[in-house]
Every structure is written in C-alpha cells, then in structure tokens.
Amino acid sequence: MTDVFSRISVDPLDSSTVDEFVWSSESGAVVAFQGIVRNHDDGRGVVSLDYRAHPEADRFLRECCDEVAARTGLRVAAEHRVGSLTIGDLALIAAVAAPHRAEAFAACAELVELIKSRVPIWKRQHFDDGVSEWVGL
C-alpha cells in the first residue's frame, strides 16, 4: 500500500477523502489543512475564484507529497481543486498522519508550503467591483 495520495479535481473536495487515506491504527494524530475561498483579499471584496492548472500539475503535486512522505516516513495526502470556485469552497486539502502531533503539524505545514511554491496552479480572483486579476503570475 502506498503512503501517498494526491489528486487535482474539478469536483468539490471532501476533507474525509484525505483524512481517511492518511489515518491508520498507528496514528496518534492526523493534522489537516483546508484552504477555503474567502470573501476578501488585501482589503478588496472577492466574489469568486478560478483556478487553472498546468497539464502536468498532478505530477508536481505528487512529487510534493512523495518528498514529505520520504523525508518523514509518514502517510501524506493532498487534493487541489481547479475550475470556478465560490466563497466557502475548499480549494486545497492536505493531511498528514503521525504517531505524535508535533511531527504531524510540522509535516503538514511543510507539505502546504511545498504545494504553494511548486505546483503550477494559478488563481484568478474576481472582485466585487467587477475587476478580476491573476494572482502570483
């Protein structure tokens, strides 16, 4: 059985998918991160987002998960949504299971930072004043 799950999806995300994947009877802690579409950014009202992914984004996401799993020996999972999202939608879910909470927290934080820095997924924000802009390009 593999210790890594990763997926990019156009469908709404369900946090139970990654939580159930990482959990095992050896786990004393499951730490999960949920990135949620919020209604503001830098003082401006946001009404929705569009996420677009590079054709090989799946590979990059898998590599991030593999790297954290290989370094820590822990079970790791991540799922990122693409397409049109509205306020309150889940955009990213990452989870790590470990025997103890400290290592689970550290590994999950590392995983999220790797995903944000390495996975080629771009976000376009639509503001309440009718303007939209790409973030991080």
C-alpha atoms as a PDB file:
ATOM      1  CA  MET A   1       0.000   0.000   0.000  1.00  0.00           C
ATOM      2  CA  THR A   2       1.287   3.445  -0.869  1.00  0.00           C
ATOM      3  CA  ASP A   3       1.702   6.100   1.805  1.00  0.00           C
ATOM      4  CA  VAL A   4       0.783   8.956  -0.553  1.00  0.00           C
ATOM      5  CA  PHE A   5      -2.442  10.152  -2.131  1.00  0.00           C
ATOM      6  CA  SER A   6      -2.622  13.170  -4.436  1.00  0.00           C
ATOM      7  CA  ARG A   7      -5.212  14.438  -6.879  1.00  0.00           C
ATOM      8  CA  ILE A   8      -6.254  17.525  -8.770  1.00  0.00           C
ATOM      9  CA  SER A   9     -10.000  17.655  -9.194  1.00  0.00           C
ATOM     10  CA  VAL A  10     -12.668  19.721 -10.910  1.00  0.00           C
ATOM     11  CA  ASP A  11     -15.193  18.318  -8.436  1.00  0.00           C
ATOM     12  CA  PRO A  12     -15.845  19.767  -4.971  1.00  0.00           C
ATOM     13  CA  LEU A  13     -13.368  18.495  -2.401  1.00  0.00           C
ATOM     14  CA  ASP A  14     -14.341  16.364   0.589  1.00  0.00           C
ATOM     15  CA  SER A  15     -11.950  16.515   3.534  1.00  0.00           C
ATOM     16  CA  SER A  16     -12.847  12.982   4.594  1.00  0.00           C
ATOM     17  CA  THR A  17     -11.061  11.656   1.485  1.00  0.00           C
ATOM     18  CA  VAL A  18      -7.610  12.759   2.635  1.00  0.00           C
ATOM     19  CA  ASP A  19      -8.290  12.185   6.346  1.00  0.00           C
ATOM     20  CA  GLU A  20      -9.381   8.601   5.739  1.00  0.00           C
ATOM     21  CA  PHE A  21      -6.420   7.943   3.459  1.00  0.00           C
ATOM     22  CA  VAL A  22      -3.777   9.033   5.963  1.00  0.00           C
ATOM     23  CA  TRP A  23      -5.330   7.560   9.105  1.00  0.00           C
ATOM     24  CA  SER A  24      -4.045   4.231  10.357  1.00  0.00           C
ATOM     25  CA  SER A  25      -4.110   2.381  13.664  1.00  0.00           C
ATOM     26  CA  GLU A  26      -0.565   3.622  14.353  1.00  0.00           C
ATOM     27  CA  SER A  27      -1.679   7.247  14.050  1.00  0.00           C
ATOM     28  CA  GLY A  28      -1.906   9.267  17.225  1.00  0.00           C
ATOM     29  CA  ALA A  29      -2.534  12.443  15.243  1.00  0.00           C
ATOM     30  CA  VAL A  30      -3.998  13.475  11.924  1.00  0.00           C
ATOM     31  CA  VAL A  31      -3.338  17.093  11.023  1.00  0.00           C
ATOM     32  CA  ALA A  32      -5.186  18.584   8.085  1.00  0.00           C
ATOM     33  CA  PHE A  33      -5.111  21.927   6.337  1.00  0.00           C
ATOM     34  CA  GLN A  34      -8.131  23.236   4.458  1.00  0.00           C
ATOM     35  CA  GLY A  35      -7.632  26.177   2.112  1.00  0.00           C
ATOM     36  CA  ILE A  36     -11.003  27.892   1.794  1.00  0.00           C
ATOM     37  CA  VAL A  37     -12.058  30.597  -0.659  1.00  0.00           C
ATOM     38  CA  ARG A  38     -12.543  33.760   1.405  1.00  0.00           C
ATOM     39  CA  ASN A  39     -14.560  36.879   0.585  1.00  0.00           C
ATOM     40  CA  HIS A  40     -11.673  39.356   0.657  1.00  0.00           C
ATOM     41  CA  ASP A  41      -8.049  39.876  -0.305  1.00  0.00           C
ATOM     42  CA  ASP A  42      -5.867  42.829   0.597  1.00  0.00           C
ATOM     43  CA  GLY A  43      -8.849  44.981   1.552  1.00  0.00           C
ATOM     44  CA  ARG A  44     -10.897  44.170  -1.545  1.00  0.00           C
ATOM     45  CA  GLY A  45     -14.097  42.151  -1.695  1.00  0.00           C
ATOM     46  CA  VAL A  46     -13.781  38.831  -3.556  1.00  0.00           C
ATOM     47  CA  VAL A  47     -16.833  37.147  -5.093  1.00  0.00           C
ATOM     48  CA  SER A  48     -15.225  34.085  -6.715  1.00  0.00           C
ATOM     49  CA  LEU A  49     -12.003  32.484  -7.938  1.00  0.00           C
ATOM     50  CA  ASP A  50     -10.892  30.495 -10.943  1.00  0.00           C
ATOM     51  CA  TYR A  51      -8.038  28.019 -10.598  1.00  0.00           C
ATOM     52  CA  ARG A  52      -6.211  26.803 -13.688  1.00  0.00           C
ATOM     53  CA  ALA A  53      -3.582  24.059 -13.678  1.00  0.00           C
ATOM     54  CA  HIS A  54      -0.635  23.240 -15.892  1.00  0.00           C
ATOM     55  CA  PRO A  55      -1.205  19.913 -17.730  1.00  0.00           C
ATOM     56  CA  GLU A  56       1.436  18.274 -15.502  1.00  0.00           C
ATOM     57  CA  ALA A  57       0.239  19.781 -12.218  1.00  0.00           C
ATOM     58  CA  ASP A  58      -0.738  16.296 -11.000  1.00  0.00           C
ATOM     59  CA  ARG A  59       2.882  15.210 -11.255  1.00  0.00           C
ATOM     60  CA  PHE A  60       4.106  18.235  -9.300  1.00  0.00           C
ATOM     61  CA  LEU A  61       1.515  17.659  -6.571  1.00  0.00           C
ATOM     62  CA  ARG A  62       2.517  14.005  -6.322  1.00  0.00           C
ATOM     63  CA  GLU A  63       6.198  14.952  -6.078  1.00  0.00           C
ATOM     64  CA  CYS A  64       5.456  17.286  -3.154  1.00  0.00           C
ATOM     65  CA  CYS A  65       3.595  14.512  -1.341  1.00  0.00           C
ATOM     66  CA  ASP A  66       6.300  11.955  -2.155  1.00  0.00           C
ATOM     67  CA  GLU A  67       9.022  14.276  -0.855  1.00  0.00           C
ATOM     68  CA  VAL A  68       7.337  14.837   2.508  1.00  0.00           C
ATOM     69  CA  ALA A  69       6.464  11.153   2.873  1.00  0.00           C
ATOM     70  CA  ALA A  70      10.016  10.043   2.013  1.00  0.00           C
ATOM     71  CA  ARG A  71      11.625  12.528   4.389  1.00  0.00           C
ATOM     72  CA  THR A  72       9.285  11.850   7.320  1.00  0.00           C
ATOM     73  CA  GLY A  73       8.130   8.271   6.774  1.00  0.00           C
ATOM     74  CA  LEU A  74       4.548   9.461   7.319  1.00  0.00           C
ATOM     75  CA  ARG A  75       1.309   8.976   5.400  1.00  0.00           C
ATOM     76  CA  VAL A  76       0.585  12.070   3.304  1.00  0.00           C
ATOM     77  CA  ALA A  77      -2.373  13.207   1.187  1.00  0.00           C
ATOM     78  CA  ALA A  78      -3.284  16.332  -0.766  1.00  0.00           C
ATOM     79  CA  GLU A  79      -6.016  17.355  -3.139  1.00  0.00           C
ATOM     80  CA  HIS A  80      -6.331  20.646  -5.038  1.00  0.00           C
ATOM     81  CA  ARG A  81      -9.405  21.876  -6.828  1.00  0.00           C
ATOM     82  CA  VAL A  82      -9.395  23.616 -10.197  1.00  0.00           C
ATOM     83  CA  GLY A  83     -12.134  25.426 -12.063  1.00  0.00           C
ATOM     84  CA  SER A  84     -14.594  28.036 -10.784  1.00  0.00           C
ATOM     85  CA  LEU A  85     -14.948  28.266  -7.011  1.00  0.00           C
ATOM     86  CA  THR A  86     -17.166  30.444  -4.847  1.00  0.00           C
ATOM     87  CA  ILE A  87     -16.824  31.800  -1.326  1.00  0.00           C
ATOM     88  CA  GLY A  88     -16.586  28.953   1.178  1.00  0.00           C
ATOM     89  CA  ASP A  89     -15.443  26.317  -1.320  1.00  0.00           C
ATOM     90  CA  LEU A  90     -12.438  24.170  -0.456  1.00  0.00           C
ATOM     91  CA  ALA A  91      -9.515  24.877  -2.780  1.00  0.00           C
ATOM     92  CA  LEU A  92      -6.810  22.757  -1.122  1.00  0.00           C
ATOM     93  CA  ILE A  93      -6.834  19.968   1.409  1.00  0.00           C
ATOM     94  CA  ALA A  94      -3.645  18.458   2.801  1.00  0.00           C
ATOM     95  CA  ALA A  95      -3.334  15.916   5.598  1.00  0.00           C
ATOM     96  CA  VAL A  96      -0.593  14.018   7.385  1.00  0.00           C
ATOM     97  CA  ALA A  97      -0.870  11.261   9.973  1.00  0.00           C
ATOM     98  CA  ALA A  98       1.816  10.574  12.549  1.00  0.00           C
ATOM     99  CA  PRO A  99       2.246   8.831  15.882  1.00  0.00           C
ATOM    100  CA  HIS A 100       2.556  12.250  17.585  1.00  0.00           C
ATOM    101  CA  ARG A 101       1.032  15.684  16.950  1.00  0.00           C
ATOM    102  CA  ALA A 102       4.240  17.724  16.657  1.00  0.00           C
ATOM    103  CA  GLU A 103       5.561  15.742  13.712  1.00  0.00           C
ATOM    104  CA  ALA A 104       2.125  15.744  12.055  1.00  0.00           C
ATOM    105  CA  PHE A 105       1.830  19.542  12.375  1.00  0.00           C
ATOM    106  CA  ALA A 106       5.345  20.104  11.041  1.00  0.00           C
ATOM    107  CA  ALA A 107       4.930  17.731   8.095  1.00  0.00           C
ATOM    108  CA  CYS A 108       1.536  19.172   7.122  1.00  0.00           C
ATOM    109  CA  ALA A 109       2.901  22.736   7.222  1.00  0.00           C
ATOM    110  CA  GLU A 110       5.857  21.678   5.069  1.00  0.00           C
ATOM    111  CA  LEU A 111       3.535  19.957   2.599  1.00  0.00           C
ATOM    112  CA  VAL A 112       1.307  23.010   2.185  1.00  0.00           C
ATOM    113  CA  GLU A 113       4.310  25.293   1.632  1.00  0.00           C
ATOM    114  CA  LEU A 114       5.750  22.919  -0.988  1.00  0.00           C
ATOM    115  CA  ILE A 115       2.431  22.755  -2.808  1.00  0.00           C
ATOM    116  CA  LYS A 116       2.023  26.535  -2.813  1.00  0.00           C
ATOM    117  CA  SER A 117       5.558  27.085  -4.103  1.00  0.00           C
ATOM    118  CA  ARG A 118       5.944  24.233  -6.613  1.00  0.00           C
ATOM    119  CA  VAL A 119       2.623  23.128  -8.056  1.00  0.00           C
ATOM    120  CA  PRO A 120       1.752  25.104 -11.214  1.00  0.00           C
ATOM    121  CA  ILE A 121      -1.811  26.111 -10.368  1.00  0.00           C
ATOM    122  CA  TRP A 122      -2.812  29.725 -10.942  1.00  0.00           C
ATOM    123  CA  LYS A 123      -5.594  31.697  -9.307  1.00  0.00           C
ATOM    124  CA  ARG A 124      -7.724  34.432 -10.864  1.00  0.00           C
ATOM    125  CA  GLN A 125      -9.687  36.486  -8.364  1.00  0.00           C
ATOM    126  CA  HIS A 126     -12.979  38.171  -9.263  1.00  0.00           C
ATOM    127  CA  PHE A 127     -13.628  41.222  -7.112  1.00  0.00           C
ATOM    128  CA  ASP A 128     -16.951  42.755  -6.121  1.00  0.00           C
ATOM    129  CA  ASP A 129     -16.159  45.894  -8.169  1.00  0.00           C
ATOM    130  CA  GLY A 130     -16.173  43.828 -11.395  1.00  0.00           C
ATOM    131  CA  VAL A 131     -12.389  43.728 -11.788  1.00  0.00           C
ATOM    132  CA  SER A 132     -10.532  40.411 -11.957  1.00  0.00           C
ATOM    133  CA  GLU A 133      -6.833  39.649 -11.753  1.00  0.00           C
ATOM    134  CA  TRP A 134      -4.429  36.729 -11.785  1.00  0.00           C
ATOM    135  CA  VAL A 135      -2.517  36.151  -8.552  1.00  0.00           C
ATOM    136  CA  GLY A 136       1.143  35.192  -8.458  1.00  0.00           C
ATOM    137  CA  LEU A 137       1.915  35.429 -12.151  1.00  0.00           C
END
